[in-house]
PDB file of N, CA and C in Angstrom:
ATOM      1  N   MET A   1      17.707  13.229 -24.016  1.00  0.00           N
ATOM      2  CA  MET A   1      18.496  13.885 -22.988  1.00  0.00           C
ATOM      3  C   MET A   1      19.032  12.850 -22.006  1.00  0.00           C
ATOM      4  N   THR A   2      20.282  12.998 -21.658  1.00  0.00           N
ATOM      5  CA  THR A   2      20.899  12.124 -20.666  1.00  0.00           C
ATOM      6  C   THR A   2      20.886  12.811 -19.315  1.00  0.00           C
ATOM      7  N   ILE A   3      20.361  12.119 -18.332  1.00  0.00           N
ATOM      8  CA  ILE A   3      20.317  12.654 -16.974  1.00  0.00           C
ATOM      9  C   ILE A   3      21.440  12.013 -16.179  1.00  0.00           C
ATOM     10  N   TYR A   4      22.169  12.809 -15.447  1.00  0.00           N
ATOM     11  CA  TYR A   4      23.237  12.279 -14.613  1.00  0.00           C
ATOM     12  C   TYR A   4      23.156  12.921 -13.228  1.00  0.00           C
ATOM     13  N   PRO A   5      23.792  12.302 -12.223  1.00  0.00           N
ATOM     14  CA  PRO A   5      23.623  12.743 -10.833  1.00  0.00           C
ATOM     15  C   PRO A   5      23.911  14.221 -10.579  1.00  0.00           C
ATOM     16  N   LYS A   6      24.926  14.790 -11.237  1.00  0.00           N
ATOM     17  CA  LYS A   6      25.248  16.196 -10.982  1.00  0.00           C
ATOM     18  C   LYS A   6      24.087  17.110 -11.371  1.00  0.00           C
ATOM     19  N   LEU A   7      23.381  16.795 -12.450  1.00  0.00           N
ATOM     20  CA  LEU A   7      22.206  17.592 -12.837  1.00  0.00           C
ATOM     21  C   LEU A   7      21.166  17.597 -11.717  1.00  0.00           C
ATOM     22  N   ILE A   8      20.927  16.422 -11.139  1.00  0.00           N
ATOM     23  CA  ILE A   8      19.939  16.309 -10.065  1.00  0.00           C
ATOM     24  C   ILE A   8      20.406  17.074  -8.831  1.00  0.00           C
ATOM     25  N   MET A   9      21.655  16.875  -8.453  1.00  0.00           N
ATOM     26  CA  MET A   9      22.181  17.550  -7.264  1.00  0.00           C
ATOM     27  C   MET A   9      22.196  19.071  -7.452  1.00  0.00           C
ATOM     28  N   ASP A  10      22.549  19.535  -8.644  1.00  0.00           N
ATOM     29  CA  ASP A  10      22.522  20.977  -8.913  1.00  0.00           C
ATOM     30  C   ASP A  10      21.109  21.532  -8.770  1.00  0.00           C
ATOM     31  N   ALA A  11      20.116  20.794  -9.256  1.00  0.00           N
ATOM     32  CA  ALA A  11      18.723  21.233  -9.116  1.00  0.00           C
ATOM     33  C   ALA A  11      18.322  21.289  -7.640  1.00  0.00           C
ATOM     34  N   LEU A  12      18.784  20.313  -6.863  1.00  0.00           N
ATOM     35  CA  LEU A  12      18.415  20.269  -5.444  1.00  0.00           C
ATOM     36  C   LEU A  12      19.091  21.366  -4.617  1.00  0.00           C
ATOM     37  N   THR A  13      20.162  21.965  -5.144  1.00  0.00           N
ATOM     38  CA  THR A  13      20.780  23.085  -4.428  1.00  0.00           C
ATOM     39  C   THR A  13      19.898  24.323  -4.468  1.00  0.00           C
ATOM     40  N   THR A  14      18.876  24.322  -5.308  1.00  0.00           N
ATOM     41  CA  THR A  14      17.980  25.480  -5.381  1.00  0.00           C
ATOM     42  C   THR A  14      16.841  25.389  -4.366  1.00  0.00           C
ATOM     43  N   VAL A  15      16.755  24.271  -3.650  1.00  0.00           N
ATOM     44  CA  VAL A  15      15.670  24.061  -2.677  1.00  0.00           C
ATOM     45  C   VAL A  15      16.224  24.236  -1.272  1.00  0.00           C
ATOM     46  N   ARG A  16      15.615  25.128  -0.518  1.00  0.00           N
ATOM     47  CA  ARG A  16      16.043  25.389   0.865  1.00  0.00           C
ATOM     48  C   ARG A  16      15.121  24.663   1.842  1.00  0.00           C
ATOM     49  N   TYR A  17      15.740  24.132   2.888  1.00  0.00           N
ATOM     50  CA  TYR A  17      14.973  23.514   3.973  1.00  0.00           C
ATOM     51  C   TYR A  17      14.694  24.612   4.994  1.00  0.00           C
ATOM     52  N   PRO A  18      13.417  24.940   5.241  1.00  0.00           N
ATOM     53  CA  PRO A  18      13.075  26.051   6.143  1.00  0.00           C
ATOM     54  C   PRO A  18      13.571  25.872   7.579  1.00  0.00           C
ATOM     55  N   GLY A  19      13.803  24.644   7.994  1.00  0.00           N
ATOM     56  CA  GLY A  19      14.234  24.383   9.364  1.00  0.00           C
ATOM     57  C   GLY A  19      15.607  24.930   9.692  1.00  0.00           C
ATOM     58  N   ASN A  20      16.483  25.032   8.675  1.00  0.00           N
ATOM     59  CA  ASN A  20      17.828  25.544   8.931  1.00  0.00           C
ATOM     60  C   ASN A  20      18.301  26.570   7.897  1.00  0.00           C
ATOM     61  N   GLY A  21      17.510  26.804   6.858  1.00  0.00           N
ATOM     62  CA  GLY A  21      17.841  27.814   5.852  1.00  0.00           C
ATOM     63  C   GLY A  21      18.879  27.374   4.833  1.00  0.00           C
ATOM     64  N   LYS A  22      19.376  26.135   4.949  1.00  0.00           N
ATOM     65  CA  LYS A  22      20.375  25.630   4.003  1.00  0.00           C
ATOM     66  C   LYS A  22      19.678  24.910   2.849  1.00  0.00           C
ATOM     67  N   ASN A  23      20.384  24.815   1.703  1.00  0.00           N
ATOM     68  CA  ASN A  23      19.802  24.031   0.614  1.00  0.00           C
ATOM     69  C   ASN A  23      19.933  22.548   0.950  1.00  0.00           C
ATOM     70  N   LEU A  24      19.197  21.710   0.235  1.00  0.00           N
ATOM     71  CA  LEU A  24      19.131  20.286   0.564  1.00  0.00           C
ATOM     72  C   LEU A  24      20.484  19.594   0.486  1.00  0.00           C
ATOM     73  N   VAL A  25      21.323  20.011  -0.451  1.00  0.00           N
ATOM     74  CA  VAL A  25      22.643  19.390  -0.595  1.00  0.00           C
ATOM     75  C   VAL A  25      23.567  19.866   0.521  1.00  0.00           C
ATOM     76  N   GLU A  26      23.569  21.166   0.762  1.00  0.00           N
ATOM     77  CA  GLU A  26      24.399  21.754   1.813  1.00  0.00           C
ATOM     78  C   GLU A  26      24.034  21.187   3.190  1.00  0.00           C
ATOM     79  N   ALA A  27      22.747  20.951   3.412  1.00  0.00           N
ATOM     80  CA  ALA A  27      22.272  20.412   4.688  1.00  0.00           C
ATOM     81  C   ALA A  27      22.454  18.890   4.770  1.00  0.00           C
ATOM     82  N   GLU A  28      23.003  18.291   3.719  1.00  0.00           N
ATOM     83  CA  GLU A  28      23.232  16.844   3.651  1.00  0.00           C
ATOM     84  C   GLU A  28      21.953  16.043   3.885  1.00  0.00           C
ATOM     85  N   MET A  29      20.875  16.514   3.269  1.00  0.00           N
ATOM     86  CA  MET A  29      19.585  15.851   3.402  1.00  0.00           C
ATOM     87  C   MET A  29      19.330  14.845   2.284  1.00  0.00           C
ATOM     88  N   VAL A  30      20.148  14.850   1.233  1.00  0.00           N
ATOM     89  CA  VAL A  30      19.978  13.923   0.121  1.00  0.00           C
ATOM     90  C   VAL A  30      20.776  12.657   0.438  1.00  0.00           C
ATOM     91  N   GLU A  31      20.065  11.558   0.623  1.00  0.00           N
ATOM     92  CA  GLU A  31      20.755  10.304   0.936  1.00  0.00           C
ATOM     93  C   GLU A  31      21.501   9.821  -0.309  1.00  0.00           C
ATOM     94  N   ASP A  32      22.484   8.973  -0.118  1.00  0.00           N
ATOM     95  CA  ASP A  32      23.312   8.528  -1.238  1.00  0.00           C
ATOM     96  C   ASP A  32      22.689   7.374  -2.024  1.00  0.00           C
ATOM     97  N   ASP A  33      21.362   7.347  -2.096  1.00  0.00           N
ATOM     98  CA  ASP A  33      20.670   6.292  -2.844  1.00  0.00           C
ATOM     99  C   ASP A  33      20.066   6.796  -4.156  1.00  0.00           C
ATOM    100  N   LEU A  34      20.662   7.818  -4.747  1.00  0.00           N
ATOM    101  CA  LEU A  34      20.165   8.398  -5.996  1.00  0.00           C
ATOM    102  C   LEU A  34      20.229   7.359  -7.114  1.00  0.00           C
ATOM    103  N   ARG A  35      19.097   7.120  -7.745  1.00  0.00           N
ATOM    104  CA  ARG A  35      19.006   6.163  -8.847  1.00  0.00           C
ATOM    105  C   ARG A  35      18.430   6.874 -10.076  1.00  0.00           C
ATOM    106  N   ILE A  36      19.065   6.637 -11.202  1.00  0.00           N
ATOM    107  CA  ILE A  36      18.593   7.199 -12.465  1.00  0.00           C
ATOM    108  C   ILE A  36      18.423   6.051 -13.443  1.00  0.00           C
ATOM    109  N   ASP A  37      17.220   5.924 -13.987  1.00  0.00           N
ATOM    110  CA  ASP A  37      16.920   4.890 -14.977  1.00  0.00           C
ATOM    111  C   ASP A  37      16.172   5.558 -16.115  1.00  0.00           C
ATOM    112  N   GLY A  38      16.913   5.971 -17.137  1.00  0.00           N
ATOM    113  CA  GLY A  38      16.304   6.708 -18.244  1.00  0.00           C
ATOM    114  C   GLY A  38      15.796   8.053 -17.752  1.00  0.00           C
ATOM    115  N   MET A  39      14.490   8.233 -17.803  1.00  0.00           N
ATOM    116  CA  MET A  39      13.877   9.484 -17.344  1.00  0.00           C
ATOM    117  C   MET A  39      13.238   9.329 -15.964  1.00  0.00           C
ATOM    118  N   ASN A  40      13.571   8.259 -15.267  1.00  0.00           N
ATOM    119  CA  ASN A  40      13.076   8.033 -13.908  1.00  0.00           C
ATOM    120  C   ASN A  40      14.192   8.314 -12.910  1.00  0.00           C
ATOM    121  N   VAL A  41      13.881   9.147 -11.920  1.00  0.00           N
ATOM    122  CA  VAL A  41      14.850   9.502 -10.887  1.00  0.00           C
ATOM    123  C   VAL A  41      14.226   9.181  -9.534  1.00  0.00           C
ATOM    124  N   SER A  42      14.990   8.509  -8.682  1.00  0.00           N
ATOM    125  CA  SER A  42      14.498   8.245  -7.329  1.00  0.00           C
ATOM    126  C   SER A  42      15.630   8.461  -6.326  1.00  0.00           C
ATOM    127  N   PHE A  43      15.237   8.947  -5.161  1.00  0.00           N
ATOM    128  CA  PHE A  43      16.193   9.178  -4.072  1.00  0.00           C
ATOM    129  C   PHE A  43      15.420   9.413  -2.790  1.00  0.00           C
ATOM    130  N   SER A  44      16.155   9.461  -1.686  1.00  0.00           N
ATOM    131  CA  SER A  44      15.544   9.720  -0.385  1.00  0.00           C
ATOM    132  C   SER A  44      16.039  11.046   0.163  1.00  0.00           C
ATOM    133  N   LEU A  45      15.158  11.721   0.881  1.00  0.00           N
ATOM    134  CA  LEU A  45      15.527  12.922   1.627  1.00  0.00           C
ATOM    135  C   LEU A  45      15.463  12.579   3.107  1.00  0.00           C
ATOM    136  N   ILE A  46      16.482  12.983   3.842  1.00  0.00           N
ATOM    137  CA  ILE A  46      16.549  12.698   5.271  1.00  0.00           C
ATOM    138  C   ILE A  46      16.103  13.933   6.046  1.00  0.00           C
ATOM    139  N   PHE A  47      15.035  13.784   6.813  1.00  0.00           N
ATOM    140  CA  PHE A  47      14.513  14.868   7.631  1.00  0.00           C
ATOM    141  C   PHE A  47      14.915  14.644   9.085  1.00  0.00           C
ATOM    142  N   PRO A  48      15.099  15.728   9.853  1.00  0.00           N
ATOM    143  CA  PRO A  48      15.588  15.591  11.225  1.00  0.00           C
ATOM    144  C   PRO A  48      14.619  14.916  12.185  1.00  0.00           C
ATOM    145  N   LYS A  49      13.329  15.019  11.951  1.00  0.00           N
ATOM    146  CA  LYS A  49      12.379  14.436  12.900  1.00  0.00           C
ATOM    147  C   LYS A  49      11.095  14.025  12.195  1.00  0.00           C
ATOM    148  N   ASN A  50      10.372  13.129  12.843  1.00  0.00           N
ATOM    149  CA  ASN A  50       9.079  12.692  12.338  1.00  0.00           C
ATOM    150  C   ASN A  50       8.056  12.913  13.443  1.00  0.00           C
ATOM    151  N   PRO A  51       7.020  13.663  13.227  1.00  0.00           N
ATOM    152  CA  PRO A  51       6.668  14.295  11.962  1.00  0.00           C
ATOM    153  C   PRO A  51       7.466  15.576  11.735  1.00  0.00           C
ATOM    154  N   ASP A  52       7.765  15.831  10.479  1.00  0.00           N
ATOM    155  CA  ASP A  52       8.464  17.057  10.115  1.00  0.00           C
ATOM    156  C   ASP A  52       7.467  17.964   9.408  1.00  0.00           C
ATOM    157  N   PRO A  53       7.252  19.173   9.925  1.00  0.00           N
ATOM    158  CA  PRO A  53       6.236  20.046   9.337  1.00  0.00           C
ATOM    159  C   PRO A  53       6.561  20.490   7.908  1.00  0.00           C
ATOM    160  N   PHE A  54       7.825  20.342   7.505  1.00  0.00           N
ATOM    161  CA  PHE A  54       8.228  20.818   6.182  1.00  0.00           C
ATOM    162  C   PHE A  54       8.387  19.697   5.157  1.00  0.00           C
ATOM    163  N   SER A  55       8.253  18.432   5.568  1.00  0.00           N
ATOM    164  CA  SER A  55       8.611  17.329   4.674  1.00  0.00           C
ATOM    165  C   SER A  55       7.832  17.340   3.356  1.00  0.00           C
ATOM    166  N   LYS A  56       6.525  17.477   3.392  1.00  0.00           N
ATOM    167  CA  LYS A  56       5.738  17.431   2.155  1.00  0.00           C
ATOM    168  C   LYS A  56       6.069  18.598   1.234  1.00  0.00           C
ATOM    169  N   SER A  57       6.184  19.790   1.785  1.00  0.00           N
ATOM    170  CA  SER A  57       6.470  20.948   0.939  1.00  0.00           C
ATOM    171  C   SER A  57       7.880  20.896   0.366  1.00  0.00           C
ATOM    172  N   VAL A  58       8.834  20.399   1.145  1.00  0.00           N
ATOM    173  CA  VAL A  58      10.217  20.285   0.655  1.00  0.00           C
ATOM    174  C   VAL A  58      10.298  19.216  -0.428  1.00  0.00           C
ATOM    175  N   MET A  59       9.604  18.107  -0.262  1.00  0.00           N
ATOM    176  CA  MET A  59       9.613  17.059  -1.277  1.00  0.00           C
ATOM    177  C   MET A  59       8.978  17.559  -2.572  1.00  0.00           C
ATOM    178  N   LYS A  60       7.908  18.308  -2.469  1.00  0.00           N
ATOM    179  CA  LYS A  60       7.262  18.877  -3.656  1.00  0.00           C
ATOM    180  C   LYS A  60       8.194  19.889  -4.326  1.00  0.00           C
ATOM    181  N   ALA A  61       8.859  20.724  -3.524  1.00  0.00           N
ATOM    182  CA  ALA A  61       9.798  21.709  -4.073  1.00  0.00           C
ATOM    183  C   ALA A  61      10.969  21.017  -4.770  1.00  0.00           C
ATOM    184  N   ALA A  62      11.450  19.901  -4.211  1.00  0.00           N
ATOM    185  CA  ALA A  62      12.543  19.153  -4.825  1.00  0.00           C
ATOM    186  C   ALA A  62      12.108  18.583  -6.178  1.00  0.00           C
ATOM    187  N   GLU A  63      10.911  18.033  -6.230  1.00  0.00           N
ATOM    188  CA  GLU A  63      10.390  17.510  -7.496  1.00  0.00           C
ATOM    189  C   GLU A  63      10.255  18.623  -8.527  1.00  0.00           C
ATOM    190  N   THR A  64       9.715  19.758  -8.112  1.00  0.00           N
ATOM    191  CA  THR A  64       9.550  20.894  -9.013  1.00  0.00           C
ATOM    192  C   THR A  64      10.899  21.395  -9.522  1.00  0.00           C
ATOM    193  N   ALA A  65      11.896  21.456  -8.646  1.00  0.00           N
ATOM    194  CA  ALA A  65      13.230  21.921  -9.049  1.00  0.00           C
ATOM    195  C   ALA A  65      13.822  21.001 -10.112  1.00  0.00           C
ATOM    196  N   ILE A  66      13.678  19.697  -9.931  1.00  0.00           N
ATOM    197  CA  ILE A  66      14.215  18.750 -10.912  1.00  0.00           C
ATOM    198  C   ILE A  66      13.487  18.902 -12.245  1.00  0.00           C
ATOM    199  N   LYS A  67      12.170  19.017 -12.198  1.00  0.00           N
ATOM    200  CA  LYS A  67      11.404  19.187 -13.439  1.00  0.00           C
ATOM    201  C   LYS A  67      11.722  20.519 -14.121  1.00  0.00           C
ATOM    202  N   THR A  68      12.060  21.541 -13.341  1.00  0.00           N
ATOM    203  CA  THR A  68      12.369  22.858 -13.895  1.00  0.00           C
ATOM    204  C   THR A  68      13.784  22.924 -14.456  1.00  0.00           C
ATOM    205  N   PHE A  69      14.764  22.444 -13.701  1.00  0.00           N
ATOM    206  CA  PHE A  69      16.162  22.610 -14.084  1.00  0.00           C
ATOM    207  C   PHE A  69      16.734  21.447 -14.891  1.00  0.00           C
ATOM    208  N   VAL A  70      16.105  20.282 -14.856  1.00  0.00           N
ATOM    209  CA  VAL A  70      16.607  19.133 -15.610  1.00  0.00           C
ATOM    210  C   VAL A  70      15.721  18.884 -16.826  1.00  0.00           C
ATOM    211  N   SER A  71      14.464  18.490 -16.597  1.00  0.00           N
ATOM    212  CA  SER A  71      13.518  18.250 -17.680  1.00  0.00           C
ATOM    213  C   SER A  71      12.127  18.054 -17.102  1.00  0.00           C
ATOM    214  N   SER A  72      11.141  18.608 -17.776  1.00  0.00           N
ATOM    215  CA  SER A  72       9.759  18.440 -17.318  1.00  0.00           C
ATOM    216  C   SER A  72       9.275  17.013 -17.562  1.00  0.00           C
ATOM    217  N   GLU A  73      10.021  16.235 -18.341  1.00  0.00           N
ATOM    218  CA  GLU A  73       9.653  14.864 -18.664  1.00  0.00           C
ATOM    219  C   GLU A  73      10.105  13.858 -17.598  1.00  0.00           C
ATOM    220  N   VAL A  74      10.918  14.293 -16.648  1.00  0.00           N
ATOM    221  CA  VAL A  74      11.463  13.390 -15.631  1.00  0.00           C
ATOM    222  C   VAL A  74      10.361  12.935 -14.680  1.00  0.00           C
ATOM    223  N   LEU A  75      10.341  11.656 -14.389  1.00  0.00           N
ATOM    224  CA  LEU A  75       9.456  11.122 -13.361  1.00  0.00           C
ATOM    225  C   LEU A  75      10.274  11.021 -12.084  1.00  0.00           C
ATOM    226  N   VAL A  76       9.823  11.721 -11.044  1.00  0.00           N
ATOM    227  CA  VAL A  76      10.581  11.826  -9.803  1.00  0.00           C
ATOM    228  C   VAL A  76       9.871  11.054  -8.700  1.00  0.00           C
ATOM    229  N   ASN A  77      10.634  10.208  -7.996  1.00  0.00           N
ATOM    230  CA  ASN A  77      10.109   9.468  -6.857  1.00  0.00           C
ATOM    231  C   ASN A  77      11.007   9.772  -5.658  1.00  0.00           C
ATOM    232  N   ILE A  78      10.453  10.469  -4.678  1.00  0.00           N
ATOM    233  CA  ILE A  78      11.220  10.857  -3.493  1.00  0.00           C
ATOM    234  C   ILE A  78      10.640  10.146  -2.276  1.00  0.00           C
ATOM    235  N   LYS A  79      11.525   9.543  -1.515  1.00  0.00           N
ATOM    236  CA  LYS A  79      11.122   8.865  -0.280  1.00  0.00           C
ATOM    237  C   LYS A  79      11.633   9.687   0.900  1.00  0.00           C
ATOM    238  N   ALA A  80      10.790   9.841   1.910  1.00  0.00           N
ATOM    239  CA  ALA A  80      11.197  10.563   3.115  1.00  0.00           C
ATOM    240  C   ALA A  80      11.731   9.581   4.142  1.00  0.00           C
ATOM    241  N   LYS A  81      12.855   9.942   4.755  1.00  0.00           N
ATOM    242  CA  LYS A  81      13.404   9.183   5.875  1.00  0.00           C
ATOM    243  C   LYS A  81      13.577  10.152   7.034  1.00  0.00           C
ATOM    244  N   TYR A  82      13.476   9.646   8.234  1.00  0.00           N
ATOM    245  CA  TYR A  82      13.524  10.498   9.418  1.00  0.00           C
ATOM    246  C   TYR A  82      14.605  10.011  10.379  1.00  0.00           C
ATOM    247  N   LEU A  83      15.322  10.964  10.967  1.00  0.00           N
ATOM    248  CA  LEU A  83      16.358  10.616  11.929  1.00  0.00           C
ATOM    249  C   LEU A  83      15.790  10.223  13.273  1.00  0.00           C
ATOM    250  N   THR A  84      14.724  10.911  13.704  1.00  0.00           N
ATOM    251  CA  THR A  84      14.108  10.611  14.993  1.00  0.00           C
ATOM    252  C   THR A  84      12.595  10.677  14.881  1.00  0.00           C
ATOM    253  N   SER A  85      11.928  10.018  15.790  1.00  0.00           N
ATOM    254  CA  SER A  85      10.461  10.092  15.887  1.00  0.00           C
ATOM    255  C   SER A  85      10.102  10.760  17.199  1.00  0.00           C
ATOM    256  N   GLU A  86       9.105  11.594  17.140  1.00  0.00           N
ATOM    257  CA  GLU A  86       8.652  12.261  18.364  1.00  0.00           C
ATOM    258  C   GLU A  86       7.320  11.729  18.795  1.00  0.00           C
TER     259      GLU A  86
END
């Protein structure tokens, strides 16, 4: 199976960020550092603040969405980035 960026982005549209109710793509939370190397996918999610109460659950949901909608064989590496620290 060939993985390409649109597959990943489409999967991420199924994940909503509870802080604003928008999906990750619509909320522009997916940084433009998406990397695909065979079955390895890595990217960063941008959260509005640190600590963000939703960051771990949203990152897990994003990984699950990719494994569900793209392939269960994909190895997903997500890095959290924060706009502000409190």
